[in-house]
């Protein structure tokens, strides 16, 4: 009896942990006048009412997260591949400042990034978990 209870608890724990995997990685690239965010996951589905939400904010672990940009999309193609990415205007993000970019669909996708400028060429650098500086 104890063995079967222990097995049931173990199975339940494994199933619960696999259901709540947390946020998934989000791909972010830079184009001439916008950032391009996409999931690169074929398992992406719409949220409620065929919608998804993109938002971003500066990374500051001393305060609560606050969005500096957000947009709700309804009945538009899912941003699975780069060709259908969510476009974030480049003027919504400061250079050399760490940002969290979050895409909410049926799941949560996120990326911690910095927009850097090297010799007049913009590029995205991913920030390591727990970091808040671009260096």
C-alpha atoms as a PDB file:
ATOM      1  CA  UNK A   1       0.000   0.000   0.000  1.00  0.00           C
ATOM      2  CA  UNK A   2       2.792   2.442   0.918  1.00  0.00           C
ATOM      3  CA  UNK A   3       4.639   1.583  -2.297  1.00  0.00           C
ATOM      4  CA  UNK A   4       1.591   2.328  -4.483  1.00  0.00           C
ATOM      5  CA  UNK A   5       0.971   5.646  -2.697  1.00  0.00           C
ATOM      6  CA  UNK A   6       4.598   6.601  -3.162  1.00  0.00           C
ATOM      7  CA  UNK A   7       4.448   5.716  -6.871  1.00  0.00           C
ATOM      8  CA  UNK A   8       1.259   7.774  -7.345  1.00  0.00           C
ATOM      9  CA  UNK A   9       2.868  10.786  -5.662  1.00  0.00           C
ATOM     10  CA  UNK A  10       5.979  10.429  -7.807  1.00  0.00           C
ATOM     11  CA  UNK A  11       3.962  10.161 -11.040  1.00  0.00           C
ATOM     12  CA  UNK A  12       1.860  13.183 -10.067  1.00  0.00           C
ATOM     13  CA  UNK A  13       4.976  15.239  -9.311  1.00  0.00           C
ATOM     14  CA  UNK A  14       6.543  14.374 -12.661  1.00  0.00           C
ATOM     15  CA  UNK A  15       3.361  15.231 -14.567  1.00  0.00           C
ATOM     16  CA  UNK A  16       2.918  18.531 -12.743  1.00  0.00           C
ATOM     17  CA  UNK A  17       6.500  19.580 -13.345  1.00  0.00           C
ATOM     18  CA  UNK A  18       6.272  18.800 -17.062  1.00  0.00           C
ATOM     19  CA  UNK A  19       3.068  20.841 -17.373  1.00  0.00           C
ATOM     20  CA  UNK A  20       4.604  23.955 -15.832  1.00  0.00           C
ATOM     21  CA  UNK A  21       7.882  24.187 -17.675  1.00  0.00           C
ATOM     22  CA  UNK A  22       7.963  27.968 -17.377  1.00  0.00           C
ATOM     23  CA  UNK A  23       8.709  30.392 -20.172  1.00  0.00           C
ATOM     24  CA  UNK A  24      10.169  29.138 -23.402  1.00  0.00           C
ATOM     25  CA  UNK A  25      12.924  30.897 -25.349  1.00  0.00           C
ATOM     26  CA  UNK A  26      11.978  33.673 -27.754  1.00  0.00           C
ATOM     27  CA  UNK A  27      14.099  34.500 -30.792  1.00  0.00           C
ATOM     28  CA  UNK A  28      14.809  38.195 -31.411  1.00  0.00           C
ATOM     29  CA  UNK A  29      16.633  39.621 -34.414  1.00  0.00           C
ATOM     30  CA  UNK A  30      17.197  43.184 -35.524  1.00  0.00           C
ATOM     31  CA  UNK A  31      16.133  44.576 -38.873  1.00  0.00           C
ATOM     32  CA  UNK A  32      16.638  48.089 -40.195  1.00  0.00           C
ATOM     33  CA  UNK A  33      13.929  49.837 -38.159  1.00  0.00           C
ATOM     34  CA  UNK A  34      12.441  47.139 -35.932  1.00  0.00           C
ATOM     35  CA  UNK A  35      13.144  44.184 -33.694  1.00  0.00           C
ATOM     36  CA  UNK A  36      11.710  40.910 -34.957  1.00  0.00           C
ATOM     37  CA  UNK A  37      10.416  38.473 -32.293  1.00  0.00           C
ATOM     38  CA  UNK A  38       9.316  34.913 -33.078  1.00  0.00           C
ATOM     39  CA  UNK A  39       8.978  31.602 -31.258  1.00  0.00           C
ATOM     40  CA  UNK A  40      10.676  29.191 -33.669  1.00  0.00           C
ATOM     41  CA  UNK A  41       8.306  26.567 -32.223  1.00  0.00           C
ATOM     42  CA  UNK A  42       5.668  24.724 -34.223  1.00  0.00           C
ATOM     43  CA  UNK A  43       3.789  24.063 -30.972  1.00  0.00           C
ATOM     44  CA  UNK A  44       2.820  27.740 -30.664  1.00  0.00           C
ATOM     45  CA  UNK A  45      -0.948  28.293 -30.585  1.00  0.00           C
ATOM     46  CA  UNK A  46      -3.167  31.306 -30.092  1.00  0.00           C
ATOM     47  CA  UNK A  47      -4.250  32.453 -26.668  1.00  0.00           C
ATOM     48  CA  UNK A  48      -7.841  33.359 -25.810  1.00  0.00           C
ATOM     49  CA  UNK A  49      -9.934  34.694 -28.737  1.00  0.00           C
ATOM     50  CA  UNK A  50      -7.161  34.115 -31.311  1.00  0.00           C
ATOM     51  CA  UNK A  51      -4.905  36.704 -29.685  1.00  0.00           C
ATOM     52  CA  UNK A  52      -1.333  37.062 -28.545  1.00  0.00           C
ATOM     53  CA  UNK A  53       0.449  39.818 -26.660  1.00  0.00           C
ATOM     54  CA  UNK A  54       3.970  41.174 -26.964  1.00  0.00           C
ATOM     55  CA  UNK A  55       5.452  43.366 -24.281  1.00  0.00           C
ATOM     56  CA  UNK A  56       8.861  44.474 -23.152  1.00  0.00           C
ATOM     57  CA  UNK A  57      10.422  46.339 -20.283  1.00  0.00           C
ATOM     58  CA  UNK A  58      13.787  47.239 -18.865  1.00  0.00           C
ATOM     59  CA  UNK A  59      15.381  44.621 -16.639  1.00  0.00           C
ATOM     60  CA  UNK A  60      15.684  45.972 -13.109  1.00  0.00           C
ATOM     61  CA  UNK A  61      15.706  43.376 -10.358  1.00  0.00           C
ATOM     62  CA  UNK A  62      15.229  46.041  -7.664  1.00  0.00           C
ATOM     63  CA  UNK A  63      11.688  46.934  -8.805  1.00  0.00           C
ATOM     64  CA  UNK A  64       8.617  45.155 -10.123  1.00  0.00           C
ATOM     65  CA  UNK A  65       8.544  44.537 -13.890  1.00  0.00           C
ATOM     66  CA  UNK A  66       6.931  47.394 -15.803  1.00  0.00           C
ATOM     67  CA  UNK A  67       6.198  47.281 -19.528  1.00  0.00           C
ATOM     68  CA  UNK A  68       7.546  50.106 -21.629  1.00  0.00           C
ATOM     69  CA  UNK A  69       5.875  48.744 -24.780  1.00  0.00           C
ATOM     70  CA  UNK A  70       3.002  46.351 -25.376  1.00  0.00           C
ATOM     71  CA  UNK A  71       0.688  45.433 -28.208  1.00  0.00           C
ATOM     72  CA  UNK A  72      -2.166  42.941 -28.491  1.00  0.00           C
ATOM     73  CA  UNK A  73      -2.549  41.121 -31.805  1.00  0.00           C
ATOM     74  CA  UNK A  74      -5.882  39.635 -32.901  1.00  0.00           C
ATOM     75  CA  UNK A  75      -6.434  37.272 -35.845  1.00  0.00           C
ATOM     76  CA  UNK A  76      -2.950  37.786 -37.283  1.00  0.00           C
ATOM     77  CA  UNK A  77      -0.490  35.032 -38.222  1.00  0.00           C
ATOM     78  CA  UNK A  78       1.335  33.512 -35.280  1.00  0.00           C
ATOM     79  CA  UNK A  79       4.959  34.646 -34.992  1.00  0.00           C
ATOM     80  CA  UNK A  80       6.434  31.178 -35.342  1.00  0.00           C
ATOM     81  CA  UNK A  81       8.947  31.903 -38.098  1.00  0.00           C
ATOM     82  CA  UNK A  82      10.989  35.014 -38.748  1.00  0.00           C
ATOM     83  CA  UNK A  83       8.900  35.870 -41.816  1.00  0.00           C
ATOM     84  CA  UNK A  84       5.809  36.238 -39.553  1.00  0.00           C
ATOM     85  CA  UNK A  85       7.603  37.858 -36.621  1.00  0.00           C
ATOM     86  CA  UNK A  86       6.171  40.468 -34.295  1.00  0.00           C
ATOM     87  CA  UNK A  87       7.706  43.812 -35.200  1.00  0.00           C
ATOM     88  CA  UNK A  88       8.748  46.053 -32.328  1.00  0.00           C
ATOM     89  CA  UNK A  89       9.736  49.568 -33.470  1.00  0.00           C
ATOM     90  CA  UNK A  90      13.447  50.109 -32.878  1.00  0.00           C
ATOM     91  CA  UNK A  91      12.734  53.457 -31.197  1.00  0.00           C
ATOM     92  CA  UNK A  92      10.945  51.594 -28.353  1.00  0.00           C
ATOM     93  CA  UNK A  93      14.227  50.212 -27.026  1.00  0.00           C
ATOM     94  CA  UNK A  94      17.312  52.055 -25.797  1.00  0.00           C
ATOM     95  CA  UNK A  95      20.731  50.910 -26.897  1.00  0.00           C
ATOM     96  CA  UNK A  96      22.966  49.299 -24.275  1.00  0.00           C
ATOM     97  CA  UNK A  97      20.053  48.723 -21.870  1.00  0.00           C
ATOM     98  CA  UNK A  98      18.885  45.229 -20.885  1.00  0.00           C
ATOM     99  CA  UNK A  99      15.252  44.393 -21.726  1.00  0.00           C
ATOM    100  CA  UNK A 100      12.943  41.461 -21.146  1.00  0.00           C
ATOM    101  CA  UNK A 101      10.842  40.711 -24.245  1.00  0.00           C
ATOM    102  CA  UNK A 102       7.776  38.570 -23.548  1.00  0.00           C
ATOM    103  CA  UNK A 103       5.366  36.972 -25.993  1.00  0.00           C
ATOM    104  CA  UNK A 104       2.172  35.563 -24.478  1.00  0.00           C
ATOM    105  CA  UNK A 105       0.298  33.051 -26.639  1.00  0.00           C
ATOM    106  CA  UNK A 106      -1.003  29.751 -25.308  1.00  0.00           C
ATOM    107  CA  UNK A 107       2.408  29.690 -23.615  1.00  0.00           C
ATOM    108  CA  UNK A 108       4.872  32.309 -22.455  1.00  0.00           C
ATOM    109  CA  UNK A 109       8.027  32.926 -24.491  1.00  0.00           C
ATOM    110  CA  UNK A 110      10.735  35.321 -23.367  1.00  0.00           C
ATOM    111  CA  UNK A 111      14.176  36.670 -24.130  1.00  0.00           C
ATOM    112  CA  UNK A 112      16.496  38.929 -22.176  1.00  0.00           C
ATOM    113  CA  UNK A 113      18.320  41.111 -24.682  1.00  0.00           C
ATOM    114  CA  UNK A 114      20.403  44.194 -25.290  1.00  0.00           C
ATOM    115  CA  UNK A 115      20.430  46.212 -28.488  1.00  0.00           C
ATOM    116  CA  UNK A 116      24.046  47.093 -29.213  1.00  0.00           C
ATOM    117  CA  UNK A 117      25.653  49.329 -31.815  1.00  0.00           C
ATOM    118  CA  UNK A 118      29.065  48.428 -33.185  1.00  0.00           C
ATOM    119  CA  UNK A 119      30.463  50.555 -36.010  1.00  0.00           C
ATOM    120  CA  UNK A 120      26.946  51.777 -36.918  1.00  0.00           C
ATOM    121  CA  UNK A 121      25.686  48.199 -37.111  1.00  0.00           C
ATOM    122  CA  UNK A 122      22.883  47.240 -34.697  1.00  0.00           C
ATOM    123  CA  UNK A 123      22.737  43.741 -33.286  1.00  0.00           C
ATOM    124  CA  UNK A 124      20.974  41.841 -30.499  1.00  0.00           C
ATOM    125  CA  UNK A 125      22.920  40.237 -27.678  1.00  0.00           C
ATOM    126  CA  UNK A 126      21.149  37.834 -25.328  1.00  0.00           C
ATOM    127  CA  UNK A 127      21.624  38.565 -21.627  1.00  0.00           C
ATOM    128  CA  UNK A 128      22.382  35.669 -19.284  1.00  0.00           C
ATOM    129  CA  UNK A 129      19.688  34.786 -16.705  1.00  0.00           C
ATOM    130  CA  UNK A 130      19.926  36.962 -13.622  1.00  0.00           C
ATOM    131  CA  UNK A 131      21.980  39.631 -15.395  1.00  0.00           C
ATOM    132  CA  UNK A 132      20.721  43.180 -15.906  1.00  0.00           C
ATOM    133  CA  UNK A 133      23.686  44.791 -17.657  1.00  0.00           C
ATOM    134  CA  UNK A 134      24.714  44.774 -21.295  1.00  0.00           C
ATOM    135  CA  UNK A 135      28.490  45.094 -20.850  1.00  0.00           C
END
